[in-house]
Amino acid sequence: MGQVDCVVIAGAGIGGLCAALALAKQGIQVTVCEQAASLGEVGAGLQISPNAMRVLRELGLESELSQFVFKPQYAAIRDYKTGEYYLKLPLGKQAEARYGASYWHLHRADLHQVLAEACAQVGVKMVLNATVAGYRENTELKQVYLLLEDGREFSADLLIGADGIRSKVREQMLGQERPTFMGQVAWRGVIPVSDLTVDVKPDACVWAGPGRHFVTYYLRGGDYVNFVAVEERSDWRSESWREEGDVDELKHVFADWHPEVRELIKAANSTFLWALNGRDELPTWHKGRVVLLGDACHPMLPFMAQGAAMAIEDGYVLAKCLSNYALGDALLKYEQSRKPRATKIQQMSKANVGLYHMHGGVLGKMKLKALQAAGRFVPDVIQSKLDFVYGHDVTKN
């Protein structure tokens, strides 16, 4: 299918901007179409593990981002009532020594801003108020056209669908199918440390409990605490996948939890409530001159903190494949490289639901106790299970 000189990307999220930056650095003309009226990210904290950090470093962003980060010292799982540690794995300098890159906490908006500025510096064209309607291909002209709802069209050699779990690009490629509600909702919020009356440990911490869990970690050099509170629910009645959350309801749901959790929630003034959705493995990620990345092709539960990391890896690998192969081969190589890894991490994320939510009652508690014993007596075994995730280096593979 030949050389790629011009690319149009649907979606200016983190995955789309990483792809845009990587492609533009190769001299490819890139246009990004974003439905929002201004660039920005809804959401709160992100955990940027070493596998994603290597990509951001390769893209030249590490120094600029470093002013916004918090470096956690441990990855921890604690009991919802007693605060007992079931797991406490070292991050910080030990993780950097093991994986050759840091483990960072970043506010999503800070990462998005740095990516957008870097894209602008290398000539990426941003088109806002650009709601995608679909696309069409012209095989004779060897072009694909991104079609917007207002009638505008953008032609390119390749269209990248980075337009999220409700991707219009995916829908046209593979047919209309609603995402699957995964039986989980998540409250998310950010609290200034100055508003807290409790000392939150400097860790990436999961508080595990029956049918729900609570995540805490610091942002922006330790000035803020990010929280994610996940609860199992049988359905999601709202037409939207995100709505303003009720802080009083959140307090009620976690009313019998550890004082550290209760006091943190008490300091929250607002929160957003999200439905956690997913999809079955797609039959393909590409067709003709169109390819998908990020949540458009592999949405995952956030229980491995790898959603953003996988989109970052996707964008870099896709750009690298396009620089090394003709278009048809490049898209095939991209999917062959990325699909097995993303699918595996989707499965790992889904499996963590049972662990974090103590499924099985006493049996669920026993699994956490077994994890505790393994972490105490054979910590390398536990650490090695994460090597598949954190040790992967797409900048070299």
Protein backbone atom coordinates (compact mmCIF):
# COMPACT_ATOMS: atom_id res chain seq x y z
CA MET A 1 0.00 0.00 0.00
CA GLY A 2 3.04 2.20 -0.19
CA GLN A 3 4.52 5.10 1.68
CA VAL A 4 2.68 7.18 4.30
CA ASP A 5 3.24 10.92 4.06
CA CYS A 6 0.02 12.23 5.60
CA VAL A 7 -2.01 10.92 8.55
CA VAL A 8 -5.30 12.06 10.11
CA ILE A 9 -6.08 11.04 13.68
CA ALA A 10 -9.56 10.97 15.20
CA GLY A 11 -9.21 11.89 18.86
CA ALA A 12 -6.78 14.11 20.78
CA GLY A 13 -6.52 11.99 23.90
CA ILE A 14 -3.24 10.74 25.26
CA GLY A 15 -2.93 7.87 22.78
CA GLY A 16 -3.82 10.03 19.80
CA LEU A 17 -1.34 12.75 20.77
CA CYS A 18 1.46 10.22 21.40
CA ALA A 19 0.89 8.79 17.94
CA ALA A 20 0.77 12.28 16.43
CA LEU A 21 4.03 13.31 18.09
CA ALA A 22 5.87 10.13 17.14
CA LEU A 23 4.70 10.39 13.52
CA ALA A 24 5.48 14.10 13.20
CA LYS A 25 8.99 13.50 14.50
CA GLN A 26 9.45 11.20 11.49
CA GLY A 27 8.49 14.01 9.12
CA ILE A 28 4.93 12.82 8.49
CA GLN A 29 2.22 15.46 8.10
CA VAL A 30 -0.32 14.93 10.90
CA THR A 31 -3.80 16.38 11.48
CA VAL A 32 -5.65 15.59 14.71
CA CYS A 33 -9.43 16.05 14.82
CA GLU A 34 -10.94 16.47 18.28
CA GLN A 35 -14.66 16.86 19.04
CA ALA A 36 -14.11 19.10 22.09
CA ALA A 37 -14.07 22.89 21.75
CA SER A 38 -10.73 23.16 23.53
CA LEU A 39 -7.84 20.83 24.28
CA GLY A 40 -7.91 19.34 27.73
CA GLU A 41 -8.58 16.15 29.64
CA VAL A 42 -11.43 15.18 31.90
CA GLY A 43 -10.17 12.99 34.69
CA ALA A 44 -7.61 13.04 37.42
CA GLY A 45 -4.52 10.99 38.14
CA LEU A 46 -2.56 8.57 36.00
CA GLN A 47 -0.01 5.98 37.01
CA ILE A 48 2.82 6.05 34.45
CA SER A 49 4.71 2.80 34.88
CA PRO A 50 8.24 2.21 33.50
CA ASN A 51 6.99 0.65 30.24
CA ALA A 52 5.14 3.89 29.38
CA MET A 53 7.86 6.07 30.86
CA ARG A 54 10.38 4.73 28.33
CA VAL A 55 8.17 5.93 25.48
CA LEU A 56 7.72 9.40 26.98
CA ARG A 57 11.48 9.58 27.43
CA GLU A 58 12.07 8.53 23.82
CA LEU A 59 9.64 11.22 22.68
CA GLY A 60 11.71 13.82 24.55
CA LEU A 61 9.12 14.60 27.24
CA GLU A 62 10.76 13.31 30.43
CA SER A 63 12.42 16.57 31.44
CA GLU A 64 9.34 18.72 30.82
CA LEU A 65 7.06 16.30 32.67
CA SER A 66 9.36 15.89 35.65
CA GLN A 67 8.19 19.18 37.18
CA PHE A 68 4.66 17.77 37.58
CA VAL A 69 5.30 14.27 38.93
CA PHE A 70 5.13 12.44 42.19
CA LYS A 71 7.29 9.34 42.64
CA PRO A 72 5.58 6.72 44.84
CA GLN A 73 7.76 4.63 47.14
CA TYR A 74 5.66 1.45 47.21
CA ALA A 75 2.81 -0.34 45.48
CA ALA A 76 0.55 -1.49 48.31
CA ILE A 77 -2.62 -3.48 48.96
CA ARG A 78 -4.21 -2.88 52.37
CA ASP A 79 -7.21 -4.25 54.24
CA TYR A 80 -10.30 -2.07 54.12
CA LYS A 81 -10.96 -2.37 57.87
CA THR A 82 -7.67 -2.90 59.66
CA GLY A 83 -5.24 -1.20 57.28
CA GLU A 84 -3.09 -4.36 57.36
CA TYR A 85 -0.70 -4.63 54.40
CA TYR A 86 -1.28 -7.61 52.12
CA LEU A 87 1.36 -6.37 49.71
CA LYS A 88 4.08 -3.74 49.79
CA LEU A 89 6.34 -3.82 46.75
CA PRO A 90 9.12 -1.24 46.38
CA LEU A 91 8.89 1.30 43.58
CA GLY A 92 11.02 4.46 43.65
CA LYS A 93 14.73 3.86 43.06
CA GLN A 94 14.37 0.07 43.22
CA ALA A 95 11.88 0.02 40.37
CA GLU A 96 14.08 2.37 38.36
CA ALA A 97 17.08 0.08 38.89
CA ARG A 98 15.09 -3.00 37.91
CA TYR A 99 13.35 -1.56 34.84
CA GLY A 100 15.57 1.31 33.73
CA ALA A 101 12.79 3.88 34.05
CA SER A 102 10.81 5.56 36.82
CA TYR A 103 7.30 4.91 38.09
CA TRP A 104 5.46 8.23 38.10
CA HIS A 105 2.13 9.64 39.16
CA LEU A 106 0.88 12.42 36.89
CA HIS A 107 -2.25 14.48 36.64
CA ARG A 108 -3.86 13.58 33.33
CA ALA A 109 -4.22 17.26 32.42
CA ASP A 110 -0.47 17.88 32.90
CA LEU A 111 0.51 15.00 30.61
CA HIS A 112 -2.05 16.09 28.05
CA GLN A 113 -0.82 19.69 28.06
CA VAL A 114 2.83 18.69 27.62
CA LEU A 115 1.90 16.34 24.77
CA ALA A 116 -0.20 19.02 23.05
CA GLU A 117 2.60 21.58 23.30
CA ALA A 118 5.14 19.10 21.94
CA CYS A 119 2.82 18.30 19.03
CA ALA A 120 2.43 21.99 18.21
CA GLN A 121 6.21 22.43 18.18
CA VAL A 122 6.63 19.76 15.48
CA GLY A 123 3.81 21.08 13.29
CA VAL A 124 0.89 18.82 14.17
CA LYS A 125 -2.35 20.50 13.06
CA MET A 126 -5.15 20.47 15.65
CA VAL A 127 -8.76 20.78 14.50
CA LEU A 128 -11.27 21.36 17.32
CA ASN A 129 -15.07 21.13 17.30
CA ALA A 130 -14.53 18.19 14.95
CA THR A 131 -17.10 15.48 15.70
CA VAL A 132 -16.48 12.35 13.66
CA ALA A 133 -19.31 11.02 11.51
CA GLY A 134 -17.38 8.28 9.71
CA TYR A 135 -14.90 7.80 6.89
CA ARG A 136 -14.65 6.67 3.30
CA GLU A 137 -11.81 5.23 1.25
CA ASN A 138 -10.82 5.86 -2.37
CA THR A 139 -8.73 2.91 -3.54
CA GLU A 140 -7.89 4.53 -6.89
CA LEU A 141 -6.46 7.65 -5.27
CA LYS A 142 -5.01 5.61 -2.38
CA GLN A 143 -6.62 7.95 0.10
CA VAL A 144 -8.91 7.77 3.12
CA TYR A 145 -11.22 10.62 4.13
CA LEU A 146 -12.27 11.38 7.70
CA LEU A 147 -15.83 12.74 7.60
CA LEU A 148 -17.07 15.19 10.22
CA GLU A 149 -20.68 15.83 11.22
CA ASP A 150 -20.48 19.44 9.99
CA GLY A 151 -19.59 18.27 6.47
CA ARG A 152 -15.84 18.85 6.54
CA GLU A 153 -13.52 16.16 5.20
CA PHE A 154 -9.83 15.50 5.81
CA SER A 155 -7.92 13.31 3.37
CA ALA A 156 -4.82 11.29 4.26
CA ASP A 157 -2.84 8.17 3.44
CA LEU A 158 -3.92 6.69 6.79
CA LEU A 159 -6.69 7.27 9.35
CA ILE A 160 -5.98 6.41 12.99
CA GLY A 161 -9.03 5.89 15.18
CA ALA A 162 -7.99 7.05 18.65
CA ASP A 163 -11.52 8.13 19.52
CA GLY A 164 -12.11 6.06 22.62
CA ILE A 165 -14.36 3.23 23.71
CA ARG A 166 -17.30 4.64 21.72
CA SER A 167 -15.16 5.01 18.62
CA LYS A 168 -17.04 6.02 15.48
CA VAL A 169 -14.10 4.76 13.46
CA ARG A 170 -14.30 1.30 15.07
CA GLU A 171 -18.07 1.28 14.60
CA GLN A 172 -17.79 1.78 10.84
CA MET A 173 -14.91 -0.68 10.53
CA LEU A 174 -16.49 -3.53 12.52
CA GLY A 175 -20.16 -2.69 12.96
CA GLN A 176 -22.30 -1.09 15.63
CA GLU A 177 -21.98 -2.66 19.07
CA ARG A 178 -22.49 -1.09 22.47
CA PRO A 179 -19.65 -1.44 24.94
CA THR A 180 -20.27 -3.91 27.75
CA PHE A 181 -20.92 -2.54 31.23
CA MET A 182 -18.47 -4.45 33.41
CA GLY A 183 -20.51 -4.30 36.61
CA GLN A 184 -18.33 -1.62 38.16
CA VAL A 185 -18.61 2.12 38.72
CA ALA A 186 -15.80 4.42 39.80
CA TRP A 187 -15.83 7.70 41.69
CA ARG A 188 -12.77 9.80 40.88
CA GLY A 189 -11.51 12.95 42.48
CA VAL A 190 -8.54 15.08 43.52
CA ILE A 191 -8.11 16.64 46.96
CA PRO A 192 -5.57 19.29 47.98
CA VAL A 193 -3.32 17.95 50.74
CA SER A 194 -3.95 21.20 52.62
CA ASP A 195 -7.60 20.08 53.04
CA LEU A 196 -6.72 16.72 54.60
CA THR A 197 -6.76 15.88 58.29
CA VAL A 198 -5.17 12.47 57.74
CA ASP A 199 -1.66 11.45 56.68
CA VAL A 200 -1.84 9.54 53.38
CA LYS A 201 1.13 7.26 52.77
CA PRO A 202 3.32 8.12 49.70
CA ASP A 203 2.35 4.91 47.90
CA ALA A 204 0.23 3.67 45.05
CA CYS A 205 -2.26 2.10 47.43
CA VAL A 206 -5.25 -0.18 46.86
CA TRP A 207 -7.57 -0.66 49.82
CA ALA A 208 -9.25 -4.04 49.21
CA GLY A 209 -12.71 -4.85 50.56
CA PRO A 210 -15.87 -6.88 49.87
CA GLY A 211 -17.42 -5.78 46.59
CA ARG A 212 -15.40 -2.58 46.30
CA HIS A 213 -11.95 -1.06 46.57
CA PHE A 214 -10.37 2.35 47.07
CA VAL A 215 -7.19 3.68 45.44
CA THR A 216 -5.07 6.59 46.66
CA TYR A 217 -1.89 8.23 45.41
CA TYR A 218 -0.25 11.65 45.35
CA LEU A 219 -0.03 14.05 42.40
CA ARG A 220 1.88 17.23 41.50
CA GLY A 221 4.84 16.79 43.80
CA GLY A 222 2.65 15.74 46.70
CA ASP A 223 0.35 18.76 46.72
CA TYR A 224 -2.75 16.70 45.87
CA VAL A 225 -4.13 13.24 46.55
CA ASN A 226 -5.95 11.41 43.77
CA PHE A 227 -8.60 8.87 44.72
CA VAL A 228 -10.55 6.27 42.78
CA ALA A 229 -13.38 4.47 44.58
CA VAL A 230 -14.79 1.43 42.77
CA GLU A 231 -18.05 -0.32 43.63
CA GLU A 232 -19.75 -3.31 42.04
CA ARG A 233 -23.19 -2.58 40.61
CA SER A 234 -25.62 -4.64 38.59
CA ASP A 235 -26.45 -1.93 36.06
CA TRP A 236 -25.82 1.62 34.85
CA ARG A 237 -29.06 3.53 34.19
CA SER A 238 -27.66 6.82 32.94
CA GLU A 239 -27.47 7.53 29.21
CA SER A 240 -24.05 9.09 29.77
CA TRP A 241 -20.99 7.02 30.69
CA ARG A 242 -19.87 9.76 33.10
CA GLU A 243 -21.84 11.99 35.44
CA GLU A 244 -21.29 14.18 38.48
CA GLY A 245 -21.02 11.98 41.54
CA ASP A 246 -22.80 12.41 44.86
CA VAL A 247 -20.17 12.84 47.60
CA ASP A 248 -22.72 11.93 50.30
CA GLU A 249 -23.44 8.65 48.51
CA LEU A 250 -19.71 7.98 48.28
CA LYS A 251 -19.35 8.59 52.04
CA HIS A 252 -22.23 6.18 52.69
CA VAL A 253 -20.77 3.40 50.51
CA PHE A 254 -17.44 3.51 52.38
CA ALA A 255 -18.83 4.46 55.80
CA ASP A 256 -17.45 1.38 57.60
CA TRP A 257 -13.96 1.50 56.07
CA HIS A 258 -10.64 2.40 57.66
CA PRO A 259 -10.44 5.93 59.15
CA GLU A 260 -7.82 6.95 56.59
CA VAL A 261 -10.30 6.23 53.78
CA ARG A 262 -13.24 7.86 55.56
CA GLU A 263 -11.30 11.01 56.41
CA LEU A 264 -10.03 11.36 52.87
CA ILE A 265 -13.56 11.08 51.43
CA LYS A 266 -14.76 13.57 54.03
CA ALA A 267 -12.39 16.15 52.50
CA ALA A 268 -13.78 15.66 48.96
CA ASN A 269 -15.92 18.55 47.71
CA SER A 270 -16.80 16.99 44.36
CA THR A 271 -16.38 13.80 42.37
CA PHE A 272 -17.24 12.30 39.01
CA LEU A 273 -18.89 8.90 38.70
CA TRP A 274 -17.87 6.72 35.74
CA ALA A 275 -19.29 3.52 34.34
CA LEU A 276 -16.46 1.05 33.72
CA ASN A 277 -17.05 -0.48 30.31
CA GLY A 278 -15.20 -2.96 28.14
CA ARG A 279 -15.32 -4.95 24.92
CA ASP A 280 -14.49 -8.47 23.85
CA GLU A 281 -11.29 -8.90 21.87
CA LEU A 282 -11.81 -7.42 18.40
CA PRO A 283 -11.32 -9.64 15.33
CA THR A 284 -8.98 -7.05 13.83
CA TRP A 285 -7.53 -3.63 14.62
CA HIS A 286 -7.10 -2.49 11.03
CA LYS A 287 -8.83 -2.56 7.68
CA GLY A 288 -7.69 -0.92 4.45
CA ARG A 289 -6.21 2.47 5.30
CA VAL A 290 -7.75 2.63 8.78
CA VAL A 291 -6.29 1.48 12.10
CA LEU A 292 -7.32 1.69 15.76
CA LEU A 293 -5.40 2.34 18.96
CA GLY A 294 -6.03 2.69 22.69
CA ASP A 295 -9.55 2.34 24.06
CA ALA A 296 -10.93 2.24 20.53
CA CYS A 297 -9.60 -1.33 20.23
CA HIS A 298 -8.71 -2.57 23.74
CA PRO A 299 -10.57 -0.81 26.59
CA MET A 300 -9.66 -2.28 29.94
CA LEU A 301 -10.62 -2.07 33.56
CA PRO A 302 -8.22 0.19 35.47
CA PHE A 303 -7.14 -2.55 37.87
CA MET A 304 -3.60 -2.78 36.49
CA ALA A 305 -3.33 1.02 35.96
CA GLN A 306 -2.34 0.32 32.35
CA GLY A 307 -5.02 1.97 30.20
CA ALA A 308 -3.01 5.10 29.39
CA ALA A 309 0.25 3.13 29.26
CA MET A 310 -1.13 0.79 26.59
CA ALA A 311 -2.32 3.73 24.47
CA ILE A 312 1.11 5.35 24.81
CA GLU A 313 2.80 2.12 23.71
CA ASP A 314 0.31 1.76 20.82
CA GLY A 315 1.07 5.21 19.43
CA TYR A 316 4.83 4.70 19.52
CA VAL A 317 4.75 1.18 18.02
CA LEU A 318 2.39 2.22 15.23
CA ALA A 319 4.68 5.11 14.27
CA LYS A 320 7.72 2.85 14.35
CA CYS A 321 6.04 0.24 12.15
CA LEU A 322 5.05 2.91 9.63
CA SER A 323 8.66 4.10 9.47
CA ASN A 324 10.00 0.60 8.80
CA TYR A 325 7.42 -0.99 6.48
CA ALA A 326 5.04 -0.21 3.64
CA LEU A 327 1.55 0.62 4.89
CA GLY A 328 -0.07 -2.81 4.56
CA ASP A 329 2.80 -4.61 6.25
CA ALA A 330 3.12 -1.88 8.88
CA LEU A 331 -0.48 -2.23 10.03
CA LEU A 332 -0.14 -6.02 10.15
CA LYS A 333 3.11 -5.79 12.15
CA TYR A 334 1.52 -3.27 14.52
CA GLU A 335 -1.43 -5.52 15.29
CA GLN A 336 0.75 -8.62 15.63
CA SER A 337 2.98 -6.76 18.07
CA ARG A 338 0.34 -5.05 20.15
CA LYS A 339 -2.78 -7.21 20.22
CA PRO A 340 -1.46 -10.17 22.27
CA ARG A 341 0.09 -7.87 24.89
CA ALA A 342 -2.93 -5.59 25.22
CA THR A 343 -5.29 -8.58 25.41
CA LYS A 344 -3.18 -10.21 28.11
CA ILE A 345 -3.17 -7.04 30.21
CA GLN A 346 -6.92 -6.70 29.71
CA GLN A 347 -7.27 -10.19 31.18
CA MET A 348 -4.91 -9.42 34.07
CA SER A 349 -6.90 -6.27 34.88
CA LYS A 350 -10.18 -8.17 34.88
CA ALA A 351 -8.72 -10.91 37.10
CA ASN A 352 -7.75 -8.35 39.74
CA VAL A 353 -11.43 -7.62 40.42
CA GLY A 354 -11.73 -10.82 42.44
CA LEU A 355 -8.59 -10.05 44.42
CA TYR A 356 -9.39 -6.42 45.21
CA HIS A 357 -13.04 -7.18 46.02
CA MET A 358 -12.44 -10.29 48.14
CA HIS A 359 -14.64 -12.49 45.96
CA GLY A 360 -15.45 -15.77 47.65
CA GLY A 361 -15.68 -14.36 51.16
CA VAL A 362 -13.24 -16.27 53.37
CA LEU A 363 -11.57 -17.70 50.26
CA GLY A 364 -11.00 -14.20 48.94
CA LYS A 365 -9.39 -13.19 52.23
CA MET A 366 -7.21 -16.31 52.08
CA LYS A 367 -5.94 -15.31 48.63
CA LEU A 368 -4.86 -11.96 50.00
CA LYS A 369 -3.18 -13.69 52.95
CA ALA A 370 -1.35 -15.96 50.50
CA LEU A 371 -0.21 -12.88 48.58
CA GLN A 372 0.98 -11.39 51.87
CA ALA A 373 3.03 -14.51 52.66
CA ALA A 374 4.54 -14.61 49.17
CA GLY A 375 5.49 -10.95 49.37
CA ARG A 376 7.16 -11.57 52.71
CA PHE A 377 9.06 -14.76 51.93
CA VAL A 378 9.52 -14.84 48.13
CA PRO A 379 9.20 -11.19 47.03
CA ASP A 380 11.06 -11.83 43.78
CA VAL A 381 8.28 -14.17 42.67
CA ILE A 382 5.70 -11.42 43.12
CA GLN A 383 7.94 -8.82 41.46
CA SER A 384 8.61 -11.12 38.51
CA LYS A 385 4.88 -11.28 37.75
CA LEU A 386 5.02 -7.55 37.02
CA ASP A 387 8.09 -7.83 34.79
CA PHE A 388 5.87 -8.73 31.83
CA VAL A 389 4.10 -5.39 32.26
CA TYR A 390 6.76 -2.97 33.50
CA GLY A 391 9.81 -4.56 31.88
CA HIS A 392 8.46 -4.39 28.34
CA ASP A 393 10.35 -1.87 26.19
CA VAL A 394 8.67 -0.96 22.91
CA THR A 395 11.44 1.53 22.11
CA LYS A 396 13.85 -1.38 21.62
CA ASN A 397 11.70 -4.40 20.74
